[in-house]
């Protein structure tokens, strides 16, 4: 078979060169590409600028074609590796952590109290600000009003308070630091609440005050010492509604996992709280 295809008037070398000229023009520039295309359309061989033979032009064009294909394959390999690398990077999810609030349950043996910061009490119950004892924290104790107003109450008064429904009172005691630091002997349980739960607890404590006609909490007695105050309370005190029941109900209102049902003694409540530690 002849190297030249006389039927079509174009040699094999010409066809290869024409194809190479189109691809090689990507490297050779617009002027060279235009010259190669014009020669191909006219049915003649491209001009060799320096008089070299056609085989040398063909080899140069083929070389350019291979260089182009090599670069193309290299670029594809790089892009593929980058895609795999990017796909393997784990997603990082940034979560906003909810603000947590702290309340304290203090075990005094026979009765328990709830403690929160003084600033929280002032924000929730601004009417108390004038008569609140000074301290970083305030402990609230709910119980029989008469029992809390008598110095050294005897067993007879305690039995009366338990067996017969009586008026209630709220005893507020100021603490210079957190209860967990202040009380060295008493058991103190730290209760962590959400913002909603904490405000629900403060609302419960505010609702426990008996209000006068002007809506202000009713002060029963002036504090005998600067670190406490006694206010009239809402509700009646009796065997099935003790100070420990009151604390459990407050935690229930705050959404804390305790139950006030059948809570009478301090241990009834503290045993539930110990399980949450």
C-alpha atoms as a PDB file:
ATOM      1  CA  UNK A   1       0.000   0.000   0.000  1.00  0.00           C
ATOM      2  CA  UNK A   2       1.306   3.464  -0.867  1.00  0.00           C
ATOM      3  CA  UNK A   3       1.999   5.962   1.841  1.00  0.00           C
ATOM      4  CA  UNK A   4      -0.037   8.586  -0.033  1.00  0.00           C
ATOM      5  CA  UNK A   5      -3.800   8.224  -0.470  1.00  0.00           C
ATOM      6  CA  UNK A   6      -4.093   9.588  -4.045  1.00  0.00           C
ATOM      7  CA  UNK A   7      -7.870   9.090  -4.114  1.00  0.00           C
ATOM      8  CA  UNK A   8      -8.371  11.754  -1.454  1.00  0.00           C
ATOM      9  CA  UNK A   9      -5.431  13.899  -2.493  1.00  0.00           C
ATOM     10  CA  UNK A  10      -4.105  13.954   1.074  1.00  0.00           C
ATOM     11  CA  UNK A  11      -1.235  11.934   2.511  1.00  0.00           C
ATOM     12  CA  UNK A  12      -1.340  10.079   5.806  1.00  0.00           C
ATOM     13  CA  UNK A  13       1.363  12.423   7.002  1.00  0.00           C
ATOM     14  CA  UNK A  14      -0.829  15.352   6.006  1.00  0.00           C
ATOM     15  CA  UNK A  15      -3.800  14.056   7.945  1.00  0.00           C
ATOM     16  CA  UNK A  16      -1.677  13.426  11.017  1.00  0.00           C
ATOM     17  CA  UNK A  17      -0.098  16.848  10.734  1.00  0.00           C
ATOM     18  CA  UNK A  18      -3.482  18.543  10.320  1.00  0.00           C
ATOM     19  CA  UNK A  19      -4.792  16.855  13.428  1.00  0.00           C
ATOM     20  CA  UNK A  20      -1.624  17.643  15.334  1.00  0.00           C
ATOM     21  CA  UNK A  21      -1.757  21.235  14.169  1.00  0.00           C
ATOM     22  CA  UNK A  22      -5.177  21.705  15.743  1.00  0.00           C
ATOM     23  CA  UNK A  23      -4.074  20.190  19.053  1.00  0.00           C
ATOM     24  CA  UNK A  24      -0.585  21.638  19.004  1.00  0.00           C
ATOM     25  CA  UNK A  25      -1.974  25.104  18.408  1.00  0.00           C
ATOM     26  CA  UNK A  26      -3.010  25.112  22.074  1.00  0.00           C
ATOM     27  CA  UNK A  27       0.695  25.370  22.806  1.00  0.00           C
ATOM     28  CA  UNK A  28       1.969  27.052  19.590  1.00  0.00           C
ATOM     29  CA  UNK A  29      -0.368  30.064  19.671  1.00  0.00           C
ATOM     30  CA  UNK A  30      -3.155  31.442  17.447  1.00  0.00           C
ATOM     31  CA  UNK A  31      -0.933  32.385  14.514  1.00  0.00           C
ATOM     32  CA  UNK A  32       0.521  28.903  14.068  1.00  0.00           C
ATOM     33  CA  UNK A  33      -2.893  27.279  14.460  1.00  0.00           C
ATOM     34  CA  UNK A  34      -4.379  29.541  11.748  1.00  0.00           C
ATOM     35  CA  UNK A  35      -1.559  28.687   9.312  1.00  0.00           C
ATOM     36  CA  UNK A  36      -1.995  24.954   9.878  1.00  0.00           C
ATOM     37  CA  UNK A  37      -5.755  25.067   9.380  1.00  0.00           C
ATOM     38  CA  UNK A  38      -5.449  27.170   6.170  1.00  0.00           C
ATOM     39  CA  UNK A  39      -3.027  24.677   4.659  1.00  0.00           C
ATOM     40  CA  UNK A  40      -5.271  21.769   5.545  1.00  0.00           C
ATOM     41  CA  UNK A  41      -8.327  23.387   3.960  1.00  0.00           C
ATOM     42  CA  UNK A  42      -6.383  24.206   0.734  1.00  0.00           C
ATOM     43  CA  UNK A  43      -5.339  20.572   0.362  1.00  0.00           C
ATOM     44  CA  UNK A  44      -1.669  21.274   0.667  1.00  0.00           C
ATOM     45  CA  UNK A  45       0.958  20.622   3.243  1.00  0.00           C
ATOM     46  CA  UNK A  46       1.732  23.255   5.848  1.00  0.00           C
ATOM     47  CA  UNK A  47       4.781  25.338   5.261  1.00  0.00           C
ATOM     48  CA  UNK A  48       7.860  24.326   7.145  1.00  0.00           C
ATOM     49  CA  UNK A  49       9.181  27.629   8.495  1.00  0.00           C
ATOM     50  CA  UNK A  50      12.768  26.570   8.458  1.00  0.00           C
ATOM     51  CA  UNK A  51      12.751  24.174   5.455  1.00  0.00           C
ATOM     52  CA  UNK A  52      12.843  21.007   7.481  1.00  0.00           C
ATOM     53  CA  UNK A  53      11.277  17.865   6.072  1.00  0.00           C
ATOM     54  CA  UNK A  54       7.685  16.891   6.603  1.00  0.00           C
ATOM     55  CA  UNK A  55       8.547  13.997   8.863  1.00  0.00           C
ATOM     56  CA  UNK A  56      10.219  16.356  11.333  1.00  0.00           C
ATOM     57  CA  UNK A  57       7.117  18.557  11.406  1.00  0.00           C
ATOM     58  CA  UNK A  58       4.987  15.478  11.999  1.00  0.00           C
ATOM     59  CA  UNK A  59       7.189  14.328  14.861  1.00  0.00           C
ATOM     60  CA  UNK A  60       7.094  17.772  16.467  1.00  0.00           C
ATOM     61  CA  UNK A  61       3.286  17.904  16.205  1.00  0.00           C
ATOM     62  CA  UNK A  62       2.995  14.421  17.672  1.00  0.00           C
ATOM     63  CA  UNK A  63       5.293  15.430  20.496  1.00  0.00           C
ATOM     64  CA  UNK A  64       3.100  18.423  21.243  1.00  0.00           C
ATOM     65  CA  UNK A  65       0.032  16.197  21.157  1.00  0.00           C
ATOM     66  CA  UNK A  66       1.557  13.785  23.676  1.00  0.00           C
ATOM     67  CA  UNK A  67       2.617  16.657  25.917  1.00  0.00           C
ATOM     68  CA  UNK A  68      -0.919  17.995  25.840  1.00  0.00           C
ATOM     69  CA  UNK A  69      -2.398  14.586  26.651  1.00  0.00           C
ATOM     70  CA  UNK A  70       0.143  14.097  29.440  1.00  0.00           C
ATOM     71  CA  UNK A  71      -0.733  17.433  30.999  1.00  0.00           C
ATOM     72  CA  UNK A  72      -4.432  16.685  30.672  1.00  0.00           C
ATOM     73  CA  UNK A  73      -4.061  13.319  32.423  1.00  0.00           C
ATOM     74  CA  UNK A  74      -1.940  14.909  35.169  1.00  0.00           C
ATOM     75  CA  UNK A  75      -4.566  17.620  35.740  1.00  0.00           C
ATOM     76  CA  UNK A  76      -7.311  14.990  35.896  1.00  0.00           C
ATOM     77  CA  UNK A  77      -5.322  12.960  38.426  1.00  0.00           C
ATOM     78  CA  UNK A  78      -4.739  16.021  40.621  1.00  0.00           C
ATOM     79  CA  UNK A  79      -8.417  17.015  40.528  1.00  0.00           C
ATOM     80  CA  UNK A  80      -9.440  13.441  41.336  1.00  0.00           C
ATOM     81  CA  UNK A  81      -7.093  13.257  44.332  1.00  0.00           C
ATOM     82  CA  UNK A  82      -8.319  16.625  45.593  1.00  0.00           C
ATOM     83  CA  UNK A  83     -11.933  15.479  45.334  1.00  0.00           C
ATOM     84  CA  UNK A  84     -11.174  12.311  47.292  1.00  0.00           C
ATOM     85  CA  UNK A  85      -9.256  14.303  49.877  1.00  0.00           C
ATOM     86  CA  UNK A  86     -12.086  16.791  50.312  1.00  0.00           C
ATOM     87  CA  UNK A  87     -14.656  14.010  50.577  1.00  0.00           C
ATOM     88  CA  UNK A  88     -12.666  12.329  53.349  1.00  0.00           C
ATOM     89  CA  UNK A  89     -12.616  15.405  55.597  1.00  0.00           C
ATOM     90  CA  UNK A  90     -15.216  14.862  58.340  1.00  0.00           C
ATOM     91  CA  UNK A  91     -17.924  17.464  58.831  1.00  0.00           C
ATOM     92  CA  UNK A  92     -17.559  19.580  61.942  1.00  0.00           C
ATOM     93  CA  UNK A  93     -20.852  20.480  63.571  1.00  0.00           C
ATOM     94  CA  UNK A  94     -20.704  23.438  65.928  1.00  0.00           C
ATOM     95  CA  UNK A  95     -23.403  23.279  68.532  1.00  0.00           C
ATOM     96  CA  UNK A  96     -24.427  26.105  70.751  1.00  0.00           C
ATOM     97  CA  UNK A  97     -24.322  24.956  74.321  1.00  0.00           C
ATOM     98  CA  UNK A  98     -27.316  26.116  76.359  1.00  0.00           C
ATOM     99  CA  UNK A  99     -26.580  28.296  79.393  1.00  0.00           C
ATOM    100  CA  UNK A 100     -26.905  26.376  82.657  1.00  0.00           C
ATOM    101  CA  UNK A 101     -28.082  27.804  85.975  1.00  0.00           C
ATOM    102  CA  UNK A 102     -27.424  26.496  89.455  1.00  0.00           C
ATOM    103  CA  UNK A 103     -29.629  26.162  92.526  1.00  0.00           C
ATOM    104  CA  UNK A 104     -28.827  24.419  95.795  1.00  0.00           C
ATOM    105  CA  UNK A 105     -30.761  22.149  98.148  1.00  0.00           C
ATOM    106  CA  UNK A 106     -29.499  22.291 101.733  1.00  0.00           C
ATOM    107  CA  UNK A 107     -30.234  19.436 104.134  1.00  0.00           C
ATOM    108  CA  UNK A 108     -30.580  20.623 107.745  1.00  0.00           C
ATOM    109  CA  UNK A 109     -31.557  17.229 109.103  1.00  0.00           C
ATOM    110  CA  UNK A 110     -35.311  17.561 109.624  1.00  0.00           C
ATOM    111  CA  UNK A 111     -35.964  20.193 106.984  1.00  0.00           C
ATOM    112  CA  UNK A 112     -34.488  21.360 103.683  1.00  0.00           C
ATOM    113  CA  UNK A 113     -34.051  24.734 102.016  1.00  0.00           C
ATOM    114  CA  UNK A 114     -33.600  26.138  98.501  1.00  0.00           C
ATOM    115  CA  UNK A 115     -30.766  28.564  97.765  1.00  0.00           C
ATOM    116  CA  UNK A 116     -30.170  30.820  94.745  1.00  0.00           C
ATOM    117  CA  UNK A 117     -28.181  33.968  94.100  1.00  0.00           C
ATOM    118  CA  UNK A 118     -29.424  37.210  95.638  1.00  0.00           C
ATOM    119  CA  UNK A 119     -29.221  38.973  92.274  1.00  0.00           C
ATOM    120  CA  UNK A 120     -31.612  36.405  90.762  1.00  0.00           C
ATOM    121  CA  UNK A 121     -34.109  37.012  93.571  1.00  0.00           C
ATOM    122  CA  UNK A 122     -33.959  40.791  93.080  1.00  0.00           C
ATOM    123  CA  UNK A 123     -34.511  40.405  89.317  1.00  0.00           C
ATOM    124  CA  UNK A 124     -37.478  38.069  89.802  1.00  0.00           C
ATOM    125  CA  UNK A 125     -38.951  39.778  92.895  1.00  0.00           C
ATOM    126  CA  UNK A 126     -37.899  43.447  92.923  1.00  0.00           C
ATOM    127  CA  UNK A 127     -40.451  44.188  95.698  1.00  0.00           C
ATOM    128  CA  UNK A 128     -38.199  42.269  98.113  1.00  0.00           C
ATOM    129  CA  UNK A 129     -35.102  44.352  97.433  1.00  0.00           C
ATOM    130  CA  UNK A 130     -35.688  46.865 100.247  1.00  0.00           C
ATOM    131  CA  UNK A 131     -35.871  44.264 103.012  1.00  0.00           C
ATOM    132  CA  UNK A 132     -33.608  41.531 101.695  1.00  0.00           C
ATOM    133  CA  UNK A 133     -30.676  40.607 103.916  1.00  0.00           C
ATOM    134  CA  UNK A 134     -27.269  41.283 102.425  1.00  0.00           C
ATOM    135  CA  UNK A 135     -25.376  38.317 101.051  1.00  0.00           C
ATOM    136  CA  UNK A 136     -24.273  36.762  97.759  1.00  0.00           C
ATOM    137  CA  UNK A 137     -26.827  33.936  98.117  1.00  0.00           C
ATOM    138  CA  UNK A 138     -30.246  33.610  99.724  1.00  0.00           C
ATOM    139  CA  UNK A 139     -31.630  30.411 101.219  1.00  0.00           C
ATOM    140  CA  UNK A 140     -35.417  30.006 101.319  1.00  0.00           C
ATOM    141  CA  UNK A 141     -37.086  27.858 103.960  1.00  0.00           C
ATOM    142  CA  UNK A 142     -40.870  27.389 103.912  1.00  0.00           C
ATOM    143  CA  UNK A 143     -42.666  26.131 107.025  1.00  0.00           C
ATOM    144  CA  UNK A 144     -45.054  26.751 109.940  1.00  0.00           C
ATOM    145  CA  UNK A 145     -45.259  30.496 110.677  1.00  0.00           C
ATOM    146  CA  UNK A 146     -45.598  30.245 114.455  1.00  0.00           C
ATOM    147  CA  UNK A 147     -42.875  27.653 114.745  1.00  0.00           C
ATOM    148  CA  UNK A 148     -40.419  29.902 112.889  1.00  0.00           C
ATOM    149  CA  UNK A 149     -41.182  32.975 115.029  1.00  0.00           C
ATOM    150  CA  UNK A 150     -40.552  31.340 118.390  1.00  0.00           C
ATOM    151  CA  UNK A 151     -37.095  30.962 119.882  1.00  0.00           C
ATOM    152  CA  UNK A 152     -36.436  27.337 120.777  1.00  0.00           C
ATOM    153  CA  UNK A 153     -39.832  25.869 119.842  1.00  0.00           C
ATOM    154  CA  UNK A 154     -40.659  22.732 121.801  1.00  0.00           C
ATOM    155  CA  UNK A 155     -42.017  19.385 120.728  1.00  0.00           C
ATOM    156  CA  UNK A 156     -45.599  20.432 121.485  1.00  0.00           C
ATOM    157  CA  UNK A 157     -45.444  23.236 118.925  1.00  0.00           C
ATOM    158  CA  UNK A 158     -43.801  20.952 116.406  1.00  0.00           C
ATOM    159  CA  UNK A 159     -46.525  18.303 116.911  1.00  0.00           C
ATOM    160  CA  UNK A 160     -49.232  20.953 116.501  1.00  0.00           C
ATOM    161  CA  UNK A 161     -47.661  22.174 113.247  1.00  0.00           C
ATOM    162  CA  UNK A 162     -47.598  18.652 111.829  1.00  0.00           C
ATOM    163  CA  UNK A 163     -51.053  17.450 112.880  1.00  0.00           C
ATOM    164  CA  UNK A 164     -53.057  20.612 112.339  1.00  0.00           C
ATOM    165  CA  UNK A 165     -52.927  22.834 109.213  1.00  0.00           C
ATOM    166  CA  UNK A 166     -51.355  26.147 110.147  1.00  0.00           C
ATOM    167  CA  UNK A 167     -50.267  29.376 108.513  1.00  0.00           C
ATOM    168  CA  UNK A 168     -46.983  29.261 106.659  1.00  0.00           C
ATOM    169  CA  UNK A 169     -43.992  31.557 106.425  1.00  0.00           C
ATOM    170  CA  UNK A 170     -40.876  31.973 104.321  1.00  0.00           C
ATOM    171  CA  UNK A 171     -37.579  32.345 106.134  1.00  0.00           C
ATOM    172  CA  UNK A 172     -34.830  33.993 104.063  1.00  0.00           C
ATOM    173  CA  UNK A 173     -31.244  33.593 105.212  1.00  0.00           C
ATOM    174  CA  UNK A 174     -28.333  35.422 103.558  1.00  0.00           C
ATOM    175  CA  UNK A 175     -25.142  33.506 102.807  1.00  0.00           C
ATOM    176  CA  UNK A 176     -21.804  35.201 102.040  1.00  0.00           C
ATOM    177  CA  UNK A 177     -20.835  32.502  99.512  1.00  0.00           C
ATOM    178  CA  UNK A 178     -22.299  29.497  97.742  1.00  0.00           C
ATOM    179  CA  UNK A 179     -23.999  26.982 100.076  1.00  0.00           C
ATOM    180  CA  UNK A 180     -21.604  24.226  99.011  1.00  0.00           C
ATOM    181  CA  UNK A 181     -18.736  26.314 100.425  1.00  0.00           C
ATOM    182  CA  UNK A 182     -20.566  27.908 103.339  1.00  0.00           C
ATOM    183  CA  UNK A 183     -21.972  24.737 104.910  1.00  0.00           C
ATOM    184  CA  UNK A 184     -19.136  22.500 106.006  1.00  0.00           C
ATOM    185  CA  UNK A 185     -21.246  19.825 107.737  1.00  0.00           C
ATOM    186  CA  UNK A 186     -24.675  20.009 106.109  1.00  0.00           C
ATOM    187  CA  UNK A 187     -25.340  18.012 102.969  1.00  0.00           C
ATOM    188  CA  UNK A 188     -25.685  20.308  99.949  1.00  0.00           C
ATOM    189  CA  UNK A 189     -26.861  19.122  96.530  1.00  0.00           C
ATOM    190  CA  UNK A 190     -26.106  21.253  93.492  1.00  0.00           C
ATOM    191  CA  UNK A 191     -28.997  21.299  91.022  1.00  0.00           C
ATOM    192  CA  UNK A 192     -28.277  22.281  87.406  1.00  0.00           C
ATOM    193  CA  UNK A 193     -31.205  23.799  85.515  1.00  0.00           C
ATOM    194  CA  UNK A 194     -31.880  25.242  82.105  1.00  0.00           C
ATOM    195  CA  UNK A 195     -32.701  28.927  81.768  1.00  0.00           C
ATOM    196  CA  UNK A 196     -36.403  28.114  81.468  1.00  0.00           C
ATOM    197  CA  UNK A 197     -36.265  25.793  84.458  1.00  0.00           C
ATOM    198  CA  UNK A 198     -34.382  28.327  86.580  1.00  0.00           C
ATOM    199  CA  UNK A 199     -36.928  31.061  85.911  1.00  0.00           C
ATOM    200  CA  UNK A 200     -39.731  28.604  86.614  1.00  0.00           C
ATOM    201  CA  UNK A 201     -38.149  27.910  90.013  1.00  0.00           C
ATOM    202  CA  UNK A 202     -37.904  31.637  90.761  1.00  0.00           C
ATOM    203  CA  UNK A 203     -41.557  32.081  89.778  1.00  0.00           C
ATOM    204  CA  UNK A 204     -42.508  29.264  92.153  1.00  0.00           C
ATOM    205  CA  UNK A 205     -40.623  30.946  94.984  1.00  0.00           C
ATOM    206  CA  UNK A 206     -42.251  34.308  94.184  1.00  0.00           C
ATOM    207  CA  UNK A 207     -45.712  32.693  94.205  1.00  0.00           C
ATOM    208  CA  UNK A 208     -45.002  31.312  97.682  1.00  0.00           C
ATOM    209  CA  UNK A 209     -45.171  34.802  99.259  1.00  0.00           C
ATOM    210  CA  UNK A 210     -48.454  36.076 100.648  1.00  0.00           C
ATOM    211  CA  UNK A 211     -49.106  39.527  99.216  1.00  0.00           C
ATOM    212  CA  UNK A 212     -50.596  42.580 100.871  1.00  0.00           C
ATOM    213  CA  UNK A 213     -53.278  44.718  99.230  1.00  0.00           C
ATOM    214  CA  UNK A 214     -50.633  46.652  97.288  1.00  0.00           C
ATOM    215  CA  UNK A 215     -49.143  43.427  95.913  1.00  0.00           C
ATOM    216  CA  UNK A 216     -45.989  43.536  98.018  1.00  0.00           C
ATOM    217  CA  UNK A 217     -44.786  40.517 100.046  1.00  0.00           C
ATOM    218  CA  UNK A 218     -45.909  40.851 103.667  1.00  0.00           C
ATOM    219  CA  UNK A 219     -43.057  41.102 106.123  1.00  0.00           C
ATOM    220  CA  UNK A 220     -43.942  39.315 109.392  1.00  0.00           C
ATOM    221  CA  UNK A 221     -41.150  40.509 111.633  1.00  0.00           C
ATOM    222  CA  UNK A 222     -38.116  42.678 111.272  1.00  0.00           C
ATOM    223  CA  UNK A 223     -35.000  40.507 111.171  1.00  0.00           C
ATOM    224  CA  UNK A 224     -33.381  40.021 114.565  1.00  0.00           C
ATOM    225  CA  UNK A 225     -30.036  39.970 112.793  1.00  0.00           C
ATOM    226  CA  UNK A 226     -29.015  41.351 109.426  1.00  0.00           C
ATOM    227  CA  UNK A 227     -28.674  37.998 107.710  1.00  0.00           C
ATOM    228  CA  UNK A 228     -32.348  36.907 107.740  1.00  0.00           C
ATOM    229  CA  UNK A 229     -35.932  37.998 107.136  1.00  0.00           C
ATOM    230  CA  UNK A 230     -39.344  36.344 107.665  1.00  0.00           C
ATOM    231  CA  UNK A 231     -42.306  36.783 105.302  1.00  0.00           C
ATOM    232  CA  UNK A 232     -45.854  35.460 105.341  1.00  0.00           C
ATOM    233  CA  UNK A 233     -46.225  32.482 103.034  1.00  0.00           C
ATOM    234  CA  UNK A 234     -48.882  31.088 100.749  1.00  0.00           C
ATOM    235  CA  UNK A 235     -50.471  27.737 101.590  1.00  0.00           C
ATOM    236  CA  UNK A 236     -51.061  25.806 104.792  1.00  0.00           C
ATOM    237  CA  UNK A 237     -48.454  23.759 106.567  1.00  0.00           C
ATOM    238  CA  UNK A 238     -49.356  20.207 107.695  1.00  0.00           C
ATOM    239  CA  UNK A 239     -48.075  16.641 107.690  1.00  0.00           C
ATOM    240  CA  UNK A 240     -48.477  16.150 103.940  1.00  0.00           C
ATOM    241  CA  UNK A 241     -47.320  19.635 103.029  1.00  0.00           C
ATOM    242  CA  UNK A 242     -44.036  20.221 104.801  1.00  0.00           C
ATOM    243  CA  UNK A 243     -40.981  22.303 104.040  1.00  0.00           C
ATOM    244  CA  UNK A 244     -39.513  19.293 102.232  1.00  0.00           C
ATOM    245  CA  UNK A 245     -42.657  18.940 100.121  1.00  0.00           C
ATOM    246  CA  UNK A 246     -42.330  22.613  99.215  1.00  0.00           C
ATOM    247  CA  UNK A 247     -38.720  22.193  98.023  1.00  0.00           C
ATOM    248  CA  UNK A 248     -39.682  19.127  95.957  1.00  0.00           C
ATOM    249  CA  UNK A 249     -42.539  21.040  94.323  1.00  0.00           C
ATOM    250  CA  UNK A 250     -40.194  23.854  93.404  1.00  0.00           C
ATOM    251  CA  UNK A 251     -37.822  21.438  91.696  1.00  0.00           C
ATOM    252  CA  UNK A 252     -40.769  19.817  89.929  1.00  0.00           C
ATOM    253  CA  UNK A 253     -41.839  23.217  88.612  1.00  0.00           C
ATOM    254  CA  UNK A 254     -38.301  23.724  87.322  1.00  0.00           C
ATOM    255  CA  UNK A 255     -38.452  20.446  85.409  1.00  0.00           C
ATOM    256  CA  UNK A 256     -35.935  18.647  87.607  1.00  0.00           C
ATOM    257  CA  UNK A 257     -36.474  14.850  87.762  1.00  0.00           C
ATOM    258  CA  UNK A 258     -37.918  14.530  91.288  1.00  0.00           C
ATOM    259  CA  UNK A 259     -41.415  13.851  92.560  1.00  0.00           C
ATOM    260  CA  UNK A 260     -43.098  15.670  95.436  1.00  0.00           C
ATOM    261  CA  UNK A 261     -45.531  12.804  95.978  1.00  0.00           C
ATOM    262  CA  UNK A 262     -45.144  11.307  99.446  1.00  0.00           C
ATOM    263  CA  UNK A 263     -42.267  13.639 100.287  1.00  0.00           C
ATOM    264  CA  UNK A 264     -42.627  14.404 104.006  1.00  0.00           C
ATOM    265  CA  UNK A 265     -39.183  14.184 105.557  1.00  0.00           C
ATOM    266  CA  UNK A 266     -35.864  15.580 104.415  1.00  0.00           C
ATOM    267  CA  UNK A 267     -34.626  12.089 103.596  1.00  0.00           C
ATOM    268  CA  UNK A 268     -37.632  11.489 101.311  1.00  0.00           C
ATOM    269  CA  UNK A 269     -36.333  14.312  99.149  1.00  0.00           C
ATOM    270  CA  UNK A 270     -32.594  13.853  99.543  1.00  0.00           C
ATOM    271  CA  UNK A 271     -32.751  10.172  98.572  1.00  0.00           C
ATOM    272  CA  UNK A 272     -34.186  11.222  95.191  1.00  0.00           C
ATOM    273  CA  UNK A 273     -31.560  13.902  94.703  1.00  0.00           C
ATOM    274  CA  UNK A 274     -28.709  11.527  95.511  1.00  0.00           C
ATOM    275  CA  UNK A 275     -29.801   9.296  92.644  1.00  0.00           C
ATOM    276  CA  UNK A 276     -29.348  12.211  90.207  1.00  0.00           C
ATOM    277  CA  UNK A 277     -25.673  12.678  91.050  1.00  0.00           C
END
